[in-house]
Protein backbone atom coordinates (compact mmCIF):
# COMPACT_ATOMS: atom_id res chain seq x y z
CA MET A 1 40.38 24.42 92.22
CA ASP A 2 40.71 25.76 96.18
CA ASP A 3 39.31 28.76 97.78
CA LEU A 4 42.12 30.55 96.91
CA ASP A 5 41.24 30.17 93.23
CA GLN A 6 37.94 31.08 93.72
CA GLN A 7 38.33 34.28 95.73
CA LEU A 8 40.86 35.71 92.35
CA ILE A 9 38.47 34.46 90.07
CA ALA A 10 35.34 36.53 92.43
CA LEU A 11 38.04 39.46 92.12
CA LEU A 12 38.55 39.63 88.24
CA ARG A 13 34.88 39.44 88.02
CA GLN A 14 34.27 42.39 90.29
CA ASN A 15 36.77 43.69 88.10
CA ALA A 16 38.73 41.73 85.89
CA ARG A 17 41.42 45.45 85.27
CA LEU A 18 42.81 44.90 88.87
CA ASN A 19 46.81 44.41 88.36
CA ILE A 20 48.34 41.58 89.97
CA ALA A 21 49.76 43.91 93.19
CA ASP A 22 46.29 45.01 93.76
CA LEU A 23 45.12 41.43 93.53
CA ALA A 24 47.70 39.76 95.43
CA HIS A 25 46.71 42.30 98.07
CA LYS A 26 43.30 41.47 98.38
CA LEU A 27 44.43 38.20 98.70
CA GLY A 28 46.87 38.49 101.42
CA VAL A 29 49.65 36.32 98.92
CA SER A 30 52.33 37.63 96.94
CA ARG A 31 52.55 38.61 93.17
CA GLY A 32 54.04 35.41 92.68
CA THR A 33 51.15 33.55 93.65
CA VAL A 34 48.98 35.21 91.58
CA ASN A 35 51.14 34.99 88.73
CA ASN A 36 51.07 31.19 89.15
CA ARG A 37 47.42 31.01 89.98
CA LEU A 38 45.95 33.25 86.92
CA ARG A 39 48.79 31.42 84.49
CA LYS A 40 47.41 27.63 85.67
CA LEU A 41 43.93 28.87 85.58
CA GLU A 42 43.85 30.21 81.61
CA ASP A 43 46.12 27.07 80.79
CA GLN A 44 43.70 24.65 82.32
CA GLN A 45 40.71 27.19 80.27
CA VAL A 46 38.84 27.79 83.61
CA ILE A 47 39.41 31.46 82.53
CA LEU A 48 38.77 31.68 78.68
CA GLY A 49 39.84 35.60 78.43
CA TYR A 50 39.27 38.64 79.85
CA THR A 51 36.68 41.42 78.47
CA VAL A 52 34.84 44.32 78.30
CA ARG A 53 31.19 44.55 79.31
CA LEU A 54 28.78 47.35 77.81
CA ARG A 55 25.05 47.68 78.90
CA PRO A 56 22.83 47.09 76.05
CA GLU A 57 22.00 50.99 75.37
CA HIS A 58 25.61 51.37 74.67
CA GLU A 59 25.54 48.87 72.01
CA PRO A 60 22.87 50.41 69.22
CA ASP A 61 23.94 48.44 66.72
CA THR A 62 23.15 44.99 68.74
CA ILE A 63 19.85 43.39 69.49
CA ARG A 64 19.99 40.38 72.10
CA ALA A 65 17.64 38.01 72.69
CA TRP A 66 16.77 34.92 75.31
CA MET A 67 15.61 31.60 73.94
CA GLY A 68 14.23 28.81 75.92
CA VAL A 69 14.69 25.30 74.12
CA GLN A 70 12.77 22.41 74.66
CA VAL A 71 13.96 19.58 73.34
CA GLU A 72 12.32 16.20 71.84
CA GLY A 73 13.44 12.79 73.81
CA ASN A 74 17.47 12.42 73.71
CA THR A 75 18.40 14.50 71.33
CA THR A 76 20.01 16.79 73.28
CA ARG A 77 23.69 16.46 72.54
CA GLN A 78 22.50 17.00 68.76
CA VAL A 79 20.69 19.87 69.47
CA ILE A 80 23.55 21.34 71.55
CA ALA A 81 25.99 20.77 68.56
CA SER A 82 23.70 22.18 66.36
CA LEU A 83 23.34 25.16 68.45
CA LEU A 84 26.83 25.59 69.43
CA GLY A 85 27.35 25.71 65.22
CA GLU A 86 24.82 28.62 64.83
CA PRO A 87 26.98 31.99 64.28
CA GLY A 88 24.04 33.66 66.20
CA VAL A 89 23.75 32.16 68.91
CA VAL A 90 26.90 33.50 71.57
CA SER A 91 25.97 31.32 74.57
CA LEU A 92 23.85 28.20 75.29
CA HIS A 93 23.29 27.00 79.00
CA ASP A 94 21.92 23.64 80.25
CA THR A 95 19.15 24.56 82.84
CA ASN A 96 16.00 22.90 84.58
CA GLY A 97 12.18 24.02 84.49
CA ARG A 98 10.03 24.33 81.14
CA TRP A 99 12.99 25.28 78.83
CA ASP A 100 15.94 22.45 78.16
CA LEU A 101 18.14 25.00 77.05
CA LEU A 102 18.63 28.51 77.49
CA ALA A 103 20.36 30.26 74.23
CA GLU A 104 21.62 34.12 74.49
CA ILE A 105 21.52 35.63 70.25
CA GLU A 106 23.19 38.46 69.04
CA ALA A 107 21.94 40.39 65.99
CA SER A 108 22.68 43.23 64.05
CA SER A 109 18.95 43.86 63.21
CA MET A 110 15.78 42.39 63.64
CA ARG A 111 15.83 40.76 60.03
CA GLN A 112 18.74 39.22 61.26
CA LEU A 113 17.69 37.73 64.14
CA SER A 114 14.29 36.47 62.70
CA ASP A 115 17.13 34.61 60.56
CA VAL A 116 18.97 32.88 63.06
CA LEU A 117 15.44 32.17 64.68
CA GLU A 118 14.12 30.32 61.71
CA ARG A 119 17.42 28.45 61.33
CA ILE A 120 17.27 27.28 65.04
CA ARG A 121 13.54 26.46 64.30
CA LEU A 122 14.80 24.28 61.68
CA ILE A 123 16.99 21.92 64.05
CA SER A 124 15.70 18.11 64.35
CA GLY A 125 15.13 17.62 67.73
CA ILE A 126 13.77 20.95 69.48
CA ARG A 127 10.22 20.65 69.98
CA GLY A 128 9.86 24.23 70.77
CA THR A 129 11.18 27.71 71.43
CA GLU A 130 10.58 31.01 73.24
CA THR A 131 12.19 33.97 72.99
CA ASN A 132 12.54 36.75 74.52
CA ILE A 133 14.21 40.19 73.36
CA HIS A 134 16.46 41.78 75.55
CA LEU A 135 15.44 45.02 76.14
CA THR A 136 17.45 47.13 79.86
CA SER A 137 19.76 45.50 82.08
CA TYR A 138 19.80 47.07 85.52
CA ARG A 139 23.08 45.16 86.91
């Protein structure tokens, strides 16, 4: 990825609904260049899709939580594979500090959240977890 690709992605992160003409104008390039760059980024799976993000308070049927995961020894790859197979885990991040991994979890009820947490805690290779429920977003 070069500087133009990064600028294009930055514009799309701000507003993924910008049309090709507006993107081209803001970047100072032709529409064909933007089209080609987008197609390349999509083909290389740099851009996986375009979506709508809602504030949590506008999704009353969704409970979101963040779980810090501590991994035992050299089991990180196995733990990652298991977490990626858990339907309640919507994103998974490698991190530093106290926690080795950070998992974003979604559930439709507290009971379902409890079930997801229980399944995760039973994964071999997990030393410990800490879960925080997402209450409000400010940005």
